């Protein structure tokens, strides 16, 4: 029984070592995470003015609210409904 446990332990250690070897490339790639807001382009991408594409994005968000008054409701007969809206736009090129 002791021999079986020893063989099983050795097999588990070998399998775990092999699994670590297979995942070592993934771990190395995960360490190359970009900073927040940094745009990563593929290697060999020529970032000239002719190749840039621009889009319109929201630069500042705000809230648009309306007051809904329900006279038939008892107690607090008013409710406020709000939605997220863009207050100003900007152009982002990449």
C-alpha atoms as a PDB file:
ATOM      1  CA  UNK A   1       0.000   0.000   0.000  1.00  0.00           C
ATOM      2  CA  UNK A   2       2.888   2.368   0.764  1.00  0.00           C
ATOM      3  CA  UNK A   3       4.391   1.708  -2.662  1.00  0.00           C
ATOM      4  CA  UNK A   4       1.072   2.589  -4.318  1.00  0.00           C
ATOM      5  CA  UNK A   5       0.841   5.893  -2.425  1.00  0.00           C
ATOM      6  CA  UNK A   6       4.421   6.754  -3.364  1.00  0.00           C
ATOM      7  CA  UNK A   7       3.800   6.024  -7.055  1.00  0.00           C
ATOM      8  CA  UNK A   8       0.598   8.066  -6.969  1.00  0.00           C
ATOM      9  CA  UNK A   9       2.383  10.995  -5.331  1.00  0.00           C
ATOM     10  CA  UNK A  10       5.205  10.891  -7.905  1.00  0.00           C
ATOM     11  CA  UNK A  11       2.655  10.753 -10.747  1.00  0.00           C
ATOM     12  CA  UNK A  12       0.765  13.768  -9.374  1.00  0.00           C
ATOM     13  CA  UNK A  13       3.996  15.765  -9.046  1.00  0.00           C
ATOM     14  CA  UNK A  14       4.987  14.916 -12.631  1.00  0.00           C
ATOM     15  CA  UNK A  15       1.557  15.887 -13.979  1.00  0.00           C
ATOM     16  CA  UNK A  16       1.556  19.176 -12.074  1.00  0.00           C
ATOM     17  CA  UNK A  17       5.062  19.989 -13.336  1.00  0.00           C
ATOM     18  CA  UNK A  18       4.042  19.227 -16.915  1.00  0.00           C
ATOM     19  CA  UNK A  19       0.936  21.395 -16.570  1.00  0.00           C
ATOM     20  CA  UNK A  20       3.057  24.291 -15.282  1.00  0.00           C
ATOM     21  CA  UNK A  21       5.377  23.946 -18.253  1.00  0.00           C
ATOM     22  CA  UNK A  22       2.449  24.146 -20.685  1.00  0.00           C
ATOM     23  CA  UNK A  23       0.995  27.233 -19.005  1.00  0.00           C
ATOM     24  CA  UNK A  24       4.296  29.118 -18.647  1.00  0.00           C
ATOM     25  CA  UNK A  25       3.803  30.844 -22.033  1.00  0.00           C
ATOM     26  CA  UNK A  26       0.309  31.998 -21.015  1.00  0.00           C
ATOM     27  CA  UNK A  27       1.669  33.427 -17.765  1.00  0.00           C
ATOM     28  CA  UNK A  28       4.374  35.323 -19.650  1.00  0.00           C
ATOM     29  CA  UNK A  29       1.755  36.802 -21.998  1.00  0.00           C
ATOM     30  CA  UNK A  30      -0.488  37.821 -19.091  1.00  0.00           C
ATOM     31  CA  UNK A  31       2.382  39.840 -17.581  1.00  0.00           C
ATOM     32  CA  UNK A  32       2.331  42.101 -20.668  1.00  0.00           C
ATOM     33  CA  UNK A  33      -0.952  43.778 -19.769  1.00  0.00           C
ATOM     34  CA  UNK A  34      -1.299  47.329 -21.108  1.00  0.00           C
ATOM     35  CA  UNK A  35      -1.848  50.319 -18.878  1.00  0.00           C
ATOM     36  CA  UNK A  36      -5.361  51.742 -18.658  1.00  0.00           C
ATOM     37  CA  UNK A  37      -6.180  53.746 -21.765  1.00  0.00           C
ATOM     38  CA  UNK A  38      -3.173  52.541 -23.749  1.00  0.00           C
ATOM     39  CA  UNK A  39      -3.988  51.512 -27.318  1.00  0.00           C
ATOM     40  CA  UNK A  40      -2.116  48.438 -28.513  1.00  0.00           C
ATOM     41  CA  UNK A  41      -1.627  48.057 -32.259  1.00  0.00           C
ATOM     42  CA  UNK A  42      -0.466  44.912 -34.027  1.00  0.00           C
ATOM     43  CA  UNK A  43       3.236  44.605 -34.781  1.00  0.00           C
ATOM     44  CA  UNK A  44       4.178  46.091 -38.136  1.00  0.00           C
ATOM     45  CA  UNK A  45       1.225  48.475 -38.100  1.00  0.00           C
ATOM     46  CA  UNK A  46       2.229  51.707 -39.804  1.00  0.00           C
ATOM     47  CA  UNK A  47       0.651  54.470 -37.752  1.00  0.00           C
ATOM     48  CA  UNK A  48       0.585  57.207 -40.370  1.00  0.00           C
ATOM     49  CA  UNK A  49      -2.026  59.909 -40.726  1.00  0.00           C
ATOM     50  CA  UNK A  50      -3.528  58.271 -43.826  1.00  0.00           C
ATOM     51  CA  UNK A  51      -4.228  55.018 -41.988  1.00  0.00           C
ATOM     52  CA  UNK A  52      -5.793  56.534 -38.870  1.00  0.00           C
ATOM     53  CA  UNK A  53      -9.522  56.134 -38.387  1.00  0.00           C
ATOM     54  CA  UNK A  54     -11.512  58.527 -36.236  1.00  0.00           C
ATOM     55  CA  UNK A  55     -14.733  57.990 -34.320  1.00  0.00           C
ATOM     56  CA  UNK A  56     -16.939  60.232 -32.219  1.00  0.00           C
ATOM     57  CA  UNK A  57     -16.997  59.331 -28.528  1.00  0.00           C
ATOM     58  CA  UNK A  58     -18.610  60.823 -25.448  1.00  0.00           C
ATOM     59  CA  UNK A  59     -16.153  62.930 -23.478  1.00  0.00           C
ATOM     60  CA  UNK A  60     -18.493  63.835 -20.609  1.00  0.00           C
ATOM     61  CA  UNK A  61     -21.496  61.930 -19.282  1.00  0.00           C
ATOM     62  CA  UNK A  62     -24.456  63.474 -17.483  1.00  0.00           C
ATOM     63  CA  UNK A  63     -27.991  62.678 -16.372  1.00  0.00           C
ATOM     64  CA  UNK A  64     -31.352  63.708 -17.812  1.00  0.00           C
ATOM     65  CA  UNK A  65     -34.206  63.423 -15.306  1.00  0.00           C
ATOM     66  CA  UNK A  66     -37.960  64.038 -15.471  1.00  0.00           C
ATOM     67  CA  UNK A  67     -40.405  64.284 -12.584  1.00  0.00           C
ATOM     68  CA  UNK A  68     -43.399  62.010 -13.072  1.00  0.00           C
ATOM     69  CA  UNK A  69     -46.358  63.197 -10.969  1.00  0.00           C
ATOM     70  CA  UNK A  70     -49.183  60.719 -10.387  1.00  0.00           C
ATOM     71  CA  UNK A  71     -52.058  62.455  -8.574  1.00  0.00           C
ATOM     72  CA  UNK A  72     -53.994  59.217  -8.024  1.00  0.00           C
ATOM     73  CA  UNK A  73     -51.170  57.596  -6.025  1.00  0.00           C
ATOM     74  CA  UNK A  74     -51.389  57.786  -2.254  1.00  0.00           C
ATOM     75  CA  UNK A  75     -48.472  59.112  -0.239  1.00  0.00           C
ATOM     76  CA  UNK A  76     -45.538  60.039  -2.424  1.00  0.00           C
ATOM     77  CA  UNK A  77     -47.251  60.470  -5.783  1.00  0.00           C
ATOM     78  CA  UNK A  78     -44.168  61.687  -7.602  1.00  0.00           C
ATOM     79  CA  UNK A  79     -41.340  59.635  -8.994  1.00  0.00           C
ATOM     80  CA  UNK A  80     -38.169  60.665 -10.698  1.00  0.00           C
ATOM     81  CA  UNK A  81     -36.961  58.901 -13.833  1.00  0.00           C
ATOM     82  CA  UNK A  82     -33.394  59.489 -14.956  1.00  0.00           C
ATOM     83  CA  UNK A  83     -31.297  58.284 -17.850  1.00  0.00           C
ATOM     84  CA  UNK A  84     -27.637  58.595 -18.738  1.00  0.00           C
ATOM     85  CA  UNK A  85     -26.901  61.029 -21.578  1.00  0.00           C
ATOM     86  CA  UNK A  86     -23.796  62.374 -23.241  1.00  0.00           C
ATOM     87  CA  UNK A  87     -23.241  66.051 -22.509  1.00  0.00           C
ATOM     88  CA  UNK A  88     -20.256  66.633 -24.809  1.00  0.00           C
ATOM     89  CA  UNK A  89     -18.629  64.732 -27.648  1.00  0.00           C
ATOM     90  CA  UNK A  90     -15.025  64.397 -28.795  1.00  0.00           C
ATOM     91  CA  UNK A  91     -13.238  62.747 -31.703  1.00  0.00           C
ATOM     92  CA  UNK A  92     -10.771  59.926 -31.013  1.00  0.00           C
ATOM     93  CA  UNK A  93      -8.414  58.738 -33.740  1.00  0.00           C
ATOM     94  CA  UNK A  94      -6.451  55.509 -33.803  1.00  0.00           C
END
